[in-house]
PDB file of N, CA and C in Angstrom:
ATOM      1  N   UNK A   1      27.073 -82.452  28.705  1.00  0.00           N
ATOM      2  CA  UNK A   1      28.228 -82.565  27.837  1.00  0.00           C
ATOM      3  C   UNK A   1      29.470 -82.141  28.623  1.00  0.00           C
ATOM      4  N   UNK A   2      30.516 -82.940  28.593  1.00  0.00           N
ATOM      5  CA  UNK A   2      31.733 -82.649  29.312  1.00  0.00           C
ATOM      6  C   UNK A   2      32.618 -81.655  28.581  1.00  0.00           C
ATOM      7  N   UNK A   3      33.618 -81.201  29.288  1.00  0.00           N
ATOM      8  CA  UNK A   3      34.554 -80.259  28.673  1.00  0.00           C
ATOM      9  C   UNK A   3      35.680 -81.026  27.998  1.00  0.00           C
ATOM     10  N   UNK A   4      36.247 -80.422  26.983  1.00  0.00           N
ATOM     11  CA  UNK A   4      37.380 -81.020  26.292  1.00  0.00           C
ATOM     12  C   UNK A   4      38.637 -80.738  27.102  1.00  0.00           C
ATOM     13  N   UNK A   5      39.716 -81.494  26.851  1.00  0.00           N
ATOM     14  CA  UNK A   5      40.971 -81.199  27.538  1.00  0.00           C
ATOM     15  C   UNK A   5      41.441 -79.760  27.298  1.00  0.00           C
ATOM     16  N   UNK A   6      41.245 -79.256  26.089  1.00  0.00           N
ATOM     17  CA  UNK A   6      41.661 -77.885  25.786  1.00  0.00           C
ATOM     18  C   UNK A   6      40.852 -76.879  26.606  1.00  0.00           C
ATOM     19  N   UNK A   7      39.544 -77.081  26.704  1.00  0.00           N
ATOM     20  CA  UNK A   7      38.715 -76.191  27.508  1.00  0.00           C
ATOM     21  C   UNK A   7      39.123 -76.246  28.982  1.00  0.00           C
ATOM     22  N   UNK A   8      39.405 -77.440  29.471  1.00  0.00           N
ATOM     23  CA  UNK A   8      39.830 -77.586  30.863  1.00  0.00           C
ATOM     24  C   UNK A   8      41.141 -76.871  31.133  1.00  0.00           C
ATOM     25  N   UNK A   9      42.075 -76.996  30.200  1.00  0.00           N
ATOM     26  CA  UNK A   9      43.368 -76.324  30.363  1.00  0.00           C
ATOM     27  C   UNK A   9      43.197 -74.813  30.340  1.00  0.00           C
ATOM     28  N   UNK A  10      42.419 -74.308  29.406  1.00  0.00           N
ATOM     29  CA  UNK A  10      42.226 -72.858  29.311  1.00  0.00           C
ATOM     30  C   UNK A  10      41.497 -72.317  30.531  1.00  0.00           C
ATOM     31  N   UNK A  11      40.560 -73.074  31.057  1.00  0.00           N
ATOM     32  CA  UNK A  11      39.870 -72.653  32.284  1.00  0.00           C
ATOM     33  C   UNK A  11      40.869 -72.563  33.437  1.00  0.00           C
ATOM     34  N   UNK A  12      41.732 -73.561  33.545  1.00  0.00           N
ATOM     35  CA  UNK A  12      42.740 -73.533  34.603  1.00  0.00           C
ATOM     36  C   UNK A  12      43.720 -72.390  34.381  1.00  0.00           C
ATOM     37  N   UNK A  13      44.121 -72.188  33.136  1.00  0.00           N
ATOM     38  CA  UNK A  13      45.054 -71.116  32.799  1.00  0.00           C
ATOM     39  C   UNK A  13      44.485 -69.762  33.207  1.00  0.00           C
ATOM     40  N   UNK A  14      43.200 -69.561  33.011  1.00  0.00           N
ATOM     41  CA  UNK A  14      42.569 -68.298  33.374  1.00  0.00           C
ATOM     42  C   UNK A  14      42.580 -68.013  34.864  1.00  0.00           C
ATOM     43  N   UNK A  15      42.737 -69.052  35.679  1.00  0.00           N
ATOM     44  CA  UNK A  15      42.678 -68.905  37.140  1.00  0.00           C
ATOM     45  C   UNK A  15      44.020 -69.084  37.844  1.00  0.00           C
ATOM     46  N   UNK A  16      45.050 -69.537  37.133  1.00  0.00           N
ATOM     47  CA  UNK A  16      46.322 -69.904  37.758  1.00  0.00           C
ATOM     48  C   UNK A  16      47.438 -68.953  37.307  1.00  0.00           C
ATOM     49  N   UNK A  17      47.799 -67.959  38.146  1.00  0.00           N
ATOM     50  CA  UNK A  17      48.815 -66.988  37.741  1.00  0.00           C
ATOM     51  C   UNK A  17      50.201 -67.606  37.511  1.00  0.00           C
ATOM     52  N   UNK A  18      50.536 -68.654  38.213  1.00  0.00           N
ATOM     53  CA  UNK A  18      51.830 -69.314  38.003  1.00  0.00           C
ATOM     54  C   UNK A  18      51.866 -69.963  36.623  1.00  0.00           C
ATOM     55  N   UNK A  19      50.794 -70.627  36.258  1.00  0.00           N
ATOM     56  CA  UNK A  19      50.698 -71.246  34.937  1.00  0.00           C
ATOM     57  C   UNK A  19      50.710 -70.176  33.849  1.00  0.00           C
ATOM     58  N   UNK A  20      50.078 -69.045  34.097  1.00  0.00           N
ATOM     59  CA  UNK A  20      50.077 -67.950  33.126  1.00  0.00           C
ATOM     60  C   UNK A  20      51.494 -67.477  32.821  1.00  0.00           C
ATOM     61  N   UNK A  21      52.319 -67.356  33.841  1.00  0.00           N
ATOM     62  CA  UNK A  21      53.705 -66.933  33.646  1.00  0.00           C
ATOM     63  C   UNK A  21      54.458 -67.968  32.812  1.00  0.00           C
ATOM     64  N   UNK A  22      54.235 -69.241  33.095  1.00  0.00           N
ATOM     65  CA  UNK A  22      54.904 -70.307  32.339  1.00  0.00           C
ATOM     66  C   UNK A  22      54.483 -70.289  30.869  1.00  0.00           C
ATOM     67  N   UNK A  23      53.199 -70.087  30.620  1.00  0.00           N
ATOM     68  CA  UNK A  23      52.699 -70.055  29.243  1.00  0.00           C
ATOM     69  C   UNK A  23      53.260 -68.840  28.505  1.00  0.00           C
ATOM     70  N   UNK A  24      53.315 -67.699  29.167  1.00  0.00           N
ATOM     71  CA  UNK A  24      53.848 -66.498  28.530  1.00  0.00           C
ATOM     72  C   UNK A  24      55.329 -66.638  28.202  1.00  0.00           C
ATOM     73  N   UNK A  25      56.045 -67.466  28.957  1.00  0.00           N
ATOM     74  CA  UNK A  25      57.473 -67.680  28.710  1.00  0.00           C
ATOM     75  C   UNK A  25      57.722 -68.704  27.607  1.00  0.00           C
ATOM     76  N   UNK A  26      56.703 -69.469  27.248  1.00  0.00           N
ATOM     77  CA  UNK A  26      56.855 -70.488  26.205  1.00  0.00           C
ATOM     78  C   UNK A  26      57.008 -69.815  24.847  1.00  0.00           C
ATOM     79  N   UNK A  27      57.877 -70.372  24.012  1.00  0.00           N
ATOM     80  CA  UNK A  27      58.161 -69.779  22.699  1.00  0.00           C
ATOM     81  C   UNK A  27      57.268 -70.339  21.597  1.00  0.00           C
ATOM     82  N   UNK A  28      56.724 -71.528  21.792  1.00  0.00           N
ATOM     83  CA  UNK A  28      55.932 -72.157  20.734  1.00  0.00           C
ATOM     84  C   UNK A  28      54.650 -72.772  21.307  1.00  0.00           C
ATOM     85  N   UNK A  29      53.724 -73.040  20.416  1.00  0.00           N
ATOM     86  CA  UNK A  29      52.488 -73.719  20.822  1.00  0.00           C
ATOM     87  C   UNK A  29      52.789 -75.118  21.354  1.00  0.00           C
ATOM     88  N   UNK A  30      53.803 -75.765  20.786  1.00  0.00           N
ATOM     89  CA  UNK A  30      54.172 -77.095  21.270  1.00  0.00           C
ATOM     90  C   UNK A  30      54.675 -77.038  22.717  1.00  0.00           C
ATOM     91  N   UNK A  31      55.386 -75.973  23.067  1.00  0.00           N
ATOM     92  CA  UNK A  31      55.842 -75.820  24.454  1.00  0.00           C
ATOM     93  C   UNK A  31      54.656 -75.606  25.393  1.00  0.00           C
ATOM     94  N   UNK A  32      53.666 -74.848  24.950  1.00  0.00           N
ATOM     95  CA  UNK A  32      52.457 -74.652  25.751  1.00  0.00           C
ATOM     96  C   UNK A  32      51.730 -75.984  25.905  1.00  0.00           C
ATOM     97  N   UNK A  33      51.658 -76.764  24.833  1.00  0.00           N
ATOM     98  CA  UNK A  33      51.008 -78.077  24.895  1.00  0.00           C
ATOM     99  C   UNK A  33      51.731 -79.002  25.879  1.00  0.00           C
ATOM    100  N   UNK A  34      53.049 -78.942  25.899  1.00  0.00           N
ATOM    101  CA  UNK A  34      53.809 -79.756  26.864  1.00  0.00           C
ATOM    102  C   UNK A  34      53.498 -79.332  28.296  1.00  0.00           C
ATOM    103  N   UNK A  35      53.371 -78.042  28.522  1.00  0.00           N
ATOM    104  CA  UNK A  35      52.971 -77.564  29.854  1.00  0.00           C
ATOM    105  C   UNK A  35      51.591 -78.110  30.217  1.00  0.00           C
ATOM    106  N   UNK A  36      50.667 -78.045  29.275  1.00  0.00           N
ATOM    107  CA  UNK A  36      49.321 -78.566  29.518  1.00  0.00           C
ATOM    108  C   UNK A  36      49.373 -80.047  29.871  1.00  0.00           C
ATOM    109  N   UNK A  37      50.210 -80.787  29.159  1.00  0.00           N
ATOM    110  CA  UNK A  37      50.334 -82.222  29.413  1.00  0.00           C
ATOM    111  C   UNK A  37      50.909 -82.495  30.801  1.00  0.00           C
ATOM    112  N   UNK A  38      51.806 -81.629  31.269  1.00  0.00           N
ATOM    113  CA  UNK A  38      52.343 -81.774  32.629  1.00  0.00           C
ATOM    114  C   UNK A  38      51.234 -81.633  33.670  1.00  0.00           C
ATOM    115  N   UNK A  39      50.210 -80.864  33.336  1.00  0.00           N
ATOM    116  CA  UNK A  39      49.073 -80.665  34.233  1.00  0.00           C
ATOM    117  C   UNK A  39      47.957 -81.675  33.975  1.00  0.00           C
ATOM    118  N   UNK A  40      48.180 -82.612  33.056  1.00  0.00           N
ATOM    119  CA  UNK A  40      47.212 -83.679  32.812  1.00  0.00           C
ATOM    120  C   UNK A  40      46.217 -83.425  31.690  1.00  0.00           C
ATOM    121  N   UNK A  41      46.454 -82.413  30.863  1.00  0.00           N
ATOM    122  CA  UNK A  41      45.562 -82.097  29.755  1.00  0.00           C
ATOM    123  C   UNK A  41      46.206 -82.533  28.453  1.00  0.00           C
ATOM    124  N   UNK A  42      45.613 -83.498  27.785  1.00  0.00           N
ATOM    125  CA  UNK A  42      46.163 -84.032  26.542  1.00  0.00           C
ATOM    126  C   UNK A  42      45.763 -83.166  25.354  1.00  0.00           C
ATOM    127  N   UNK A  43      46.586 -82.168  25.062  1.00  0.00           N
ATOM    128  CA  UNK A  43      46.355 -81.304  23.907  1.00  0.00           C
ATOM    129  C   UNK A  43      47.646 -81.209  23.107  1.00  0.00           C
ATOM    130  N   UNK A  44      47.523 -80.725  21.887  1.00  0.00           N
ATOM    131  CA  UNK A  44      48.701 -80.564  21.031  1.00  0.00           C
ATOM    132  C   UNK A  44      48.865 -79.093  20.666  1.00  0.00           C
ATOM    133  N   UNK A  45      50.033 -78.772  20.155  1.00  0.00           N
ATOM    134  CA  UNK A  45      50.286 -77.423  19.689  1.00  0.00           C
ATOM    135  C   UNK A  45      49.347 -77.026  18.569  1.00  0.00           C
ATOM    136  N   UNK A  46      49.026 -77.968  17.695  1.00  0.00           N
ATOM    137  CA  UNK A  46      48.120 -77.645  16.588  1.00  0.00           C
ATOM    138  C   UNK A  46      46.704 -77.377  17.093  1.00  0.00           C
ATOM    139  N   UNK A  47      46.292 -78.024  18.201  1.00  0.00           N
ATOM    140  CA  UNK A  47      44.990 -77.707  18.806  1.00  0.00           C
ATOM    141  C   UNK A  47      44.935 -76.225  19.163  1.00  0.00           C
ATOM    142  N   UNK A  48      46.026 -75.730  19.748  1.00  0.00           N
ATOM    143  CA  UNK A  48      46.088 -74.328  20.142  1.00  0.00           C
ATOM    144  C   UNK A  48      46.126 -73.407  18.933  1.00  0.00           C
ATOM    145  N   UNK A  49      46.929 -73.764  17.948  1.00  0.00           N
ATOM    146  CA  UNK A  49      47.076 -72.904  16.770  1.00  0.00           C
ATOM    147  C   UNK A  49      45.778 -72.770  15.989  1.00  0.00           C
ATOM    148  N   UNK A  50      44.963 -73.797  15.987  1.00  0.00           N
ATOM    149  CA  UNK A  50      43.694 -73.745  15.267  1.00  0.00           C
ATOM    150  C   UNK A  50      42.716 -72.759  15.897  1.00  0.00           C
ATOM    151  N   UNK A  51      42.929 -72.413  17.154  1.00  0.00           N
ATOM    152  CA  UNK A  51      42.047 -71.473  17.845  1.00  0.00           C
ATOM    153  C   UNK A  51      42.632 -70.069  17.903  1.00  0.00           C
ATOM    154  N   UNK A  52      43.701 -69.827  17.180  1.00  0.00           N
ATOM    155  CA  UNK A  52      44.345 -68.512  17.202  1.00  0.00           C
ATOM    156  C   UNK A  52      43.337 -67.418  16.841  1.00  0.00           C
ATOM    157  N   UNK A  53      43.381 -66.358  17.628  1.00  0.00           N
ATOM    158  CA  UNK A  53      42.492 -65.232  17.408  1.00  0.00           C
ATOM    159  C   UNK A  53      41.161 -65.344  18.129  1.00  0.00           C
ATOM    160  N   UNK A  54      40.933 -66.449  18.811  1.00  0.00           N
ATOM    161  CA  UNK A  54      39.670 -66.660  19.521  1.00  0.00           C
ATOM    162  C   UNK A  54      39.895 -66.560  21.027  1.00  0.00           C
ATOM    163  N   UNK A  55      38.805 -66.369  21.733  1.00  0.00           N
ATOM    164  CA  UNK A  55      38.824 -66.386  23.193  1.00  0.00           C
ATOM    165  C   UNK A  55      38.001 -67.573  23.670  1.00  0.00           C
ATOM    166  N   UNK A  56      38.485 -68.212  24.705  1.00  0.00           N
ATOM    167  CA  UNK A  56      37.770 -69.346  25.274  1.00  0.00           C
ATOM    168  C   UNK A  56      38.008 -69.338  26.775  1.00  0.00           C
ATOM    169  N   UNK A  57      36.945 -69.402  27.541  1.00  0.00           N
ATOM    170  CA  UNK A  57      37.029 -69.412  28.999  1.00  0.00           C
ATOM    171  C   UNK A  57      37.858 -68.249  29.540  1.00  0.00           C
ATOM    172  N   UNK A  58      37.712 -67.080  28.907  1.00  0.00           N
ATOM    173  CA  UNK A  58      38.397 -65.886  29.385  1.00  0.00           C
ATOM    174  C   UNK A  58      39.855 -65.776  28.981  1.00  0.00           C
ATOM    175  N   UNK A  59      40.326 -66.697  28.152  1.00  0.00           N
ATOM    176  CA  UNK A  59      41.719 -66.691  27.704  1.00  0.00           C
ATOM    177  C   UNK A  59      41.743 -66.429  26.201  1.00  0.00           C
ATOM    178  N   UNK A  60      42.500 -65.436  25.791  1.00  0.00           N
ATOM    179  CA  UNK A  60      42.641 -65.127  24.359  1.00  0.00           C
ATOM    180  C   UNK A  60      43.830 -65.896  23.815  1.00  0.00           C
ATOM    181  N   UNK A  61      43.620 -66.605  22.713  1.00  0.00           N
ATOM    182  CA  UNK A  61      44.671 -67.412  22.095  1.00  0.00           C
ATOM    183  C   UNK A  61      45.219 -66.633  20.910  1.00  0.00           C
ATOM    184  N   UNK A  62      46.512 -66.337  20.961  1.00  0.00           N
ATOM    185  CA  UNK A  62      47.144 -65.555  19.900  1.00  0.00           C
ATOM    186  C   UNK A  62      48.361 -66.278  19.370  1.00  0.00           C
ATOM    187  N   UNK A  63      48.400 -66.406  18.078  1.00  0.00           N
ATOM    188  CA  UNK A  63      49.550 -67.013  17.412  1.00  0.00           C
ATOM    189  C   UNK A  63      50.542 -65.911  17.084  1.00  0.00           C
ATOM    190  N   UNK A  64      51.786 -66.110  17.432  1.00  0.00           N
ATOM    191  CA  UNK A  64      52.839 -65.157  17.120  1.00  0.00           C
ATOM    192  C   UNK A  64      53.491 -65.595  15.826  1.00  0.00           C
ATOM    193  N   UNK A  65      53.490 -64.705  14.844  1.00  0.00           N
ATOM    194  CA  UNK A  65      54.120 -65.022  13.561  1.00  0.00           C
ATOM    195  C   UNK A  65      55.633 -64.884  13.689  1.00  0.00           C
ATOM    196  N   UNK A  66      56.323 -65.921  13.309  1.00  0.00           N
ATOM    197  CA  UNK A  66      57.783 -65.925  13.326  1.00  0.00           C
ATOM    198  C   UNK A  66      58.293 -65.802  11.896  1.00  0.00           C
ATOM    199  N   UNK A  67      59.338 -65.035  11.680  1.00  0.00           N
ATOM    200  CA  UNK A  67      59.886 -64.900  10.323  1.00  0.00           C
ATOM    201  C   UNK A  67      60.268 -66.265   9.748  1.00  0.00           C
ATOM    202  N   UNK A  68      59.933 -66.458   8.477  1.00  0.00           N
ATOM    203  CA  UNK A  68      60.298 -67.695   7.808  1.00  0.00           C
ATOM    204  C   UNK A  68      59.238 -68.770   7.845  1.00  0.00           C
ATOM    205  N   UNK A  69      58.166 -68.579   8.611  1.00  0.00           N
ATOM    206  CA  UNK A  69      57.100 -69.577   8.633  1.00  0.00           C
ATOM    207  C   UNK A  69      56.192 -69.383   7.435  1.00  0.00           C
ATOM    208  N   UNK A  70      55.547 -70.441   7.043  1.00  0.00           N
ATOM    209  CA  UNK A  70      54.615 -70.396   5.925  1.00  0.00           C
ATOM    210  C   UNK A  70      53.284 -69.819   6.398  1.00  0.00           C
ATOM    211  N   UNK A  71      52.798 -68.753   5.744  1.00  0.00           N
ATOM    212  CA  UNK A  71      51.492 -68.200   6.132  1.00  0.00           C
ATOM    213  C   UNK A  71      50.382 -69.232   5.939  1.00  0.00           C
ATOM    214  N   UNK A  72      49.478 -69.297   6.885  1.00  0.00           N
ATOM    215  CA  UNK A  72      48.337 -70.197   6.771  1.00  0.00           C
ATOM    216  C   UNK A  72      48.657 -71.661   6.985  1.00  0.00           C
ATOM    217  N   UNK A  73      49.811 -71.961   7.490  1.00  0.00           N
ATOM    218  CA  UNK A  73      50.239 -73.354   7.652  1.00  0.00           C
ATOM    219  C   UNK A  73      49.322 -74.152   8.571  1.00  0.00           C
ATOM    220  N   UNK A  74      48.763 -73.521   9.587  1.00  0.00           N
ATOM    221  CA  UNK A  74      47.988 -74.242  10.582  1.00  0.00           C
ATOM    222  C   UNK A  74      46.482 -74.006  10.504  1.00  0.00           C
ATOM    223  N   UNK A  75      46.031 -73.282   9.500  1.00  0.00           N
ATOM    224  CA  UNK A  75      44.586 -73.011   9.404  1.00  0.00           C
ATOM    225  C   UNK A  75      44.158 -72.950   7.979  1.00  0.00           C
TER     226      UNK A  75
END
């Protein structure tokens, strides 16, 4: 069974310190998804948000709550 684009991106993220800095500087899941797409991984911001609170390939995915957002909007 092959890996999904999201798994491939997270595996790369776990090993690439430059990419880690870029992801940490991103303000939204959509910005992280755009970074992933620049590296050839077709994922969306909602793909990331659905995994909030989980760890995959050594990377913990955390959703940051912003004031004014609807609770539970993405899950």
